[in-house]
């Protein structure tokens, strides 16, 4: 079993992220790992924050169903009351590649930061929504979260089911509005 990310701190008073400012996105992963990268705030209403960031990974990451590469731009949607985030992925020329969705604990905004806790489940949605892939369910099971925190594991699975339903029903775009 692997260690899951630590619990987020208690929610502080709502910090609104100012449009046009740079924030550091922090994705807390299992075993104490973190992925951090800069992003620019597009909007934040206190519940739903949207930031834009260039692909911050290796020059090319090929998942088989999509390639993330230098020049790609991610418009990332985070919620303080939902157990997921949605990243719209566009190529350097602006063409939509699809949406990569992370199942996470609700986001926490701080001064200059936006933090989520990765729960190992993911969903991929192709641009025409004809391909909807549930990803990493084996990693989720191996994380030990279902045994350690059954309530959180249940919320994570329900969030994955909700996203898949929205993607398949055509209501996905309304979520991101």
Protein backbone atom coordinates (compact mmCIF):
# COMPACT_ATOMS: atom_id res chain seq x y z
CA UNK A 1 0.00 0.00 0.00
CA UNK A 2 1.13 3.54 -0.67
CA UNK A 3 0.56 6.56 1.48
CA UNK A 4 -2.18 8.89 0.36
CA UNK A 5 -1.82 12.65 0.41
CA UNK A 6 -2.31 14.25 3.79
CA UNK A 7 -5.67 15.72 4.68
CA UNK A 8 -6.07 19.33 3.61
CA UNK A 9 -5.99 21.90 6.39
CA UNK A 10 -9.30 23.20 7.68
CA UNK A 11 -10.79 25.61 5.18
CA UNK A 12 -9.63 29.14 5.94
CA UNK A 13 -11.76 32.14 5.23
CA UNK A 14 -12.38 32.21 1.50
CA UNK A 15 -9.44 33.67 -0.38
CA UNK A 16 -10.46 35.04 -3.75
CA UNK A 17 -7.85 34.79 -6.47
CA UNK A 18 -7.50 38.02 -8.43
CA UNK A 19 -7.94 37.68 -12.22
CA UNK A 20 -4.73 38.36 -14.10
CA UNK A 21 -2.46 37.44 -11.20
CA UNK A 22 -0.06 34.53 -11.14
CA UNK A 23 -0.60 31.69 -8.67
CA UNK A 24 1.26 28.50 -7.96
CA UNK A 25 -0.88 25.43 -8.53
CA UNK A 26 0.02 22.69 -6.06
CA UNK A 27 -1.12 19.13 -6.68
CA UNK A 28 -0.36 17.06 -3.58
CA UNK A 29 0.15 13.44 -4.58
CA UNK A 30 0.69 10.24 -2.66
CA UNK A 31 3.91 9.48 -0.79
CA UNK A 32 4.45 13.17 -0.04
CA UNK A 33 5.11 14.12 -3.66
CA UNK A 34 3.96 17.46 -5.05
CA UNK A 35 3.61 18.84 -8.53
CA UNK A 36 3.81 22.64 -8.68
CA UNK A 37 3.62 25.05 -11.59
CA UNK A 38 2.70 28.66 -12.30
CA UNK A 39 -0.69 29.64 -13.71
CA UNK A 40 -2.58 32.86 -14.38
CA UNK A 41 -5.99 33.36 -12.77
CA UNK A 42 -8.80 33.88 -15.25
CA UNK A 43 -11.66 34.08 -12.75
CA UNK A 44 -12.70 33.09 -9.25
CA UNK A 45 -16.15 33.43 -7.69
CA UNK A 46 -15.15 31.96 -4.34
CA UNK A 47 -16.32 28.45 -5.28
CA UNK A 48 -15.13 27.90 -8.87
CA UNK A 49 -11.64 29.12 -9.79
CA UNK A 50 -10.26 29.00 -13.33
CA UNK A 51 -6.56 29.32 -14.17
CA UNK A 52 -4.56 28.97 -17.37
CA UNK A 53 -1.14 27.34 -17.57
CA UNK A 54 1.21 25.96 -20.20
CA UNK A 55 1.99 22.23 -20.10
CA UNK A 56 4.54 21.92 -17.30
CA UNK A 57 5.64 18.33 -17.77
CA UNK A 58 8.29 16.73 -19.97
CA UNK A 59 8.50 17.90 -23.61
CA UNK A 60 6.17 15.06 -24.64
CA UNK A 61 4.00 12.75 -22.55
CA UNK A 62 2.15 10.20 -24.63
CA UNK A 63 -0.73 8.49 -22.86
CA UNK A 64 -1.78 6.54 -25.95
CA UNK A 65 -5.12 8.30 -26.15
CA UNK A 66 -3.60 11.83 -26.09
CA UNK A 67 -0.16 13.47 -26.22
CA UNK A 68 0.64 16.38 -23.95
CA UNK A 69 3.53 18.40 -25.33
CA UNK A 70 5.38 21.69 -25.14
CA UNK A 71 3.09 24.47 -26.33
CA UNK A 72 -0.11 22.89 -25.00
CA UNK A 73 -2.26 25.18 -22.89
CA UNK A 74 -4.39 23.98 -19.99
CA UNK A 75 -7.44 25.90 -18.78
CA UNK A 76 -7.97 24.40 -15.37
CA UNK A 77 -11.21 24.46 -13.38
CA UNK A 78 -11.10 23.96 -9.61
CA UNK A 79 -13.95 23.90 -7.13
CA UNK A 80 -13.88 24.43 -3.40
CA UNK A 81 -17.02 22.30 -2.98
CA UNK A 82 -16.44 19.44 -5.48
CA UNK A 83 -14.14 16.45 -5.40
CA UNK A 84 -12.60 16.98 -8.84
CA UNK A 85 -10.83 19.39 -11.15
CA UNK A 86 -11.17 19.59 -14.93
CA UNK A 87 -8.36 20.61 -17.26
CA UNK A 88 -9.27 21.63 -20.80
CA UNK A 89 -6.26 20.85 -23.01
CA UNK A 90 -5.53 22.72 -26.23
CA UNK A 91 -2.61 22.31 -28.57
CA UNK A 92 -0.22 25.14 -29.44
CA UNK A 93 -2.42 26.05 -32.44
CA UNK A 94 -5.55 26.24 -30.28
CA UNK A 95 -7.17 22.92 -31.30
CA UNK A 96 -9.02 21.21 -28.46
CA UNK A 97 -7.36 17.94 -27.47
CA UNK A 98 -9.90 17.10 -24.75
CA UNK A 99 -10.36 17.26 -20.99
CA UNK A 100 -8.24 15.60 -18.34
CA UNK A 101 -10.11 15.32 -15.05
CA UNK A 102 -8.47 14.65 -11.68
CA UNK A 103 -10.44 13.30 -8.76
CA UNK A 104 -9.23 15.38 -5.83
CA UNK A 105 -10.31 16.71 -2.50
CA UNK A 106 -11.90 20.17 -2.86
CA UNK A 107 -9.43 22.90 -3.78
CA UNK A 108 -8.06 25.37 -1.25
CA UNK A 109 -6.96 28.83 -2.35
CA UNK A 110 -4.33 30.66 -0.34
CA UNK A 111 -2.30 33.78 -0.90
CA UNK A 112 -0.76 33.06 -4.29
CA UNK A 113 -1.57 29.32 -4.26
CA UNK A 114 -4.27 26.94 -5.38
CA UNK A 115 -3.93 23.48 -3.82
CA UNK A 116 -5.65 20.16 -4.47
CA UNK A 117 -5.04 16.66 -3.11
CA UNK A 118 -4.89 13.98 -5.82
CA UNK A 119 -6.89 10.82 -5.03
CA UNK A 120 -5.42 8.77 -7.91
CA UNK A 121 -8.61 8.49 -10.01
CA UNK A 122 -8.78 10.26 -13.38
CA UNK A 123 -11.09 10.63 -16.36
CA UNK A 124 -10.24 11.49 -19.96
CA UNK A 125 -12.84 13.00 -22.30
CA UNK A 126 -12.12 13.41 -26.02
CA UNK A 127 -13.10 16.65 -27.81
CA UNK A 128 -16.25 15.11 -29.33
CA UNK A 129 -16.97 13.20 -26.09
CA UNK A 130 -17.06 9.91 -28.02
CA UNK A 131 -14.23 8.57 -25.85
CA UNK A 132 -14.61 8.72 -22.08
CA UNK A 133 -11.95 6.76 -20.21
CA UNK A 134 -11.82 5.99 -16.51
CA UNK A 135 -8.15 5.91 -15.53
CA UNK A 136 -6.00 4.67 -12.65
CA UNK A 137 -8.68 2.77 -10.74
CA UNK A 138 -6.01 0.19 -9.86
CA UNK A 139 -3.80 2.93 -8.37
CA UNK A 140 -6.77 4.17 -6.35
CA UNK A 141 -7.40 0.69 -4.94
CA UNK A 142 -3.68 0.22 -4.18
CA UNK A 143 -3.50 3.60 -2.41
CA UNK A 144 -5.25 2.20 0.64
CA UNK A 145 -7.68 5.11 0.76
CA UNK A 146 -10.77 2.86 0.54
CA UNK A 147 -9.67 1.07 3.73
CA UNK A 148 -8.27 4.09 5.58
CA UNK A 149 -10.89 6.67 4.67
CA UNK A 150 -13.99 4.92 3.34
CA UNK A 151 -16.03 8.15 3.33
CA UNK A 152 -13.41 10.00 1.25
CA UNK A 153 -13.08 6.99 -1.07
CA UNK A 154 -16.84 6.97 -1.55
CA UNK A 155 -16.84 10.68 -2.39
CA UNK A 156 -14.02 10.11 -4.87
CA UNK A 157 -15.90 7.31 -6.64
CA UNK A 158 -19.11 9.38 -6.74
CA UNK A 159 -17.15 12.31 -8.21
CA UNK A 160 -15.76 10.04 -10.94
CA UNK A 161 -19.27 8.72 -11.67
CA UNK A 162 -20.64 12.29 -11.80
CA UNK A 163 -17.98 13.45 -14.24
CA UNK A 164 -18.46 10.42 -16.46
CA UNK A 165 -22.22 11.00 -16.49
CA UNK A 166 -21.78 14.69 -17.37
CA UNK A 167 -19.38 13.81 -20.18
CA UNK A 168 -21.66 11.16 -21.66
CA UNK A 169 -24.89 13.15 -21.28
CA UNK A 170 -23.62 16.29 -22.98
CA UNK A 171 -23.85 18.44 -19.83
CA UNK A 172 -20.07 18.67 -19.49
CA UNK A 173 -19.80 22.14 -21.09
CA UNK A 174 -22.32 23.61 -18.63
CA UNK A 175 -20.10 22.49 -15.74
CA UNK A 176 -17.24 24.61 -17.07
CA UNK A 177 -19.25 27.75 -17.77
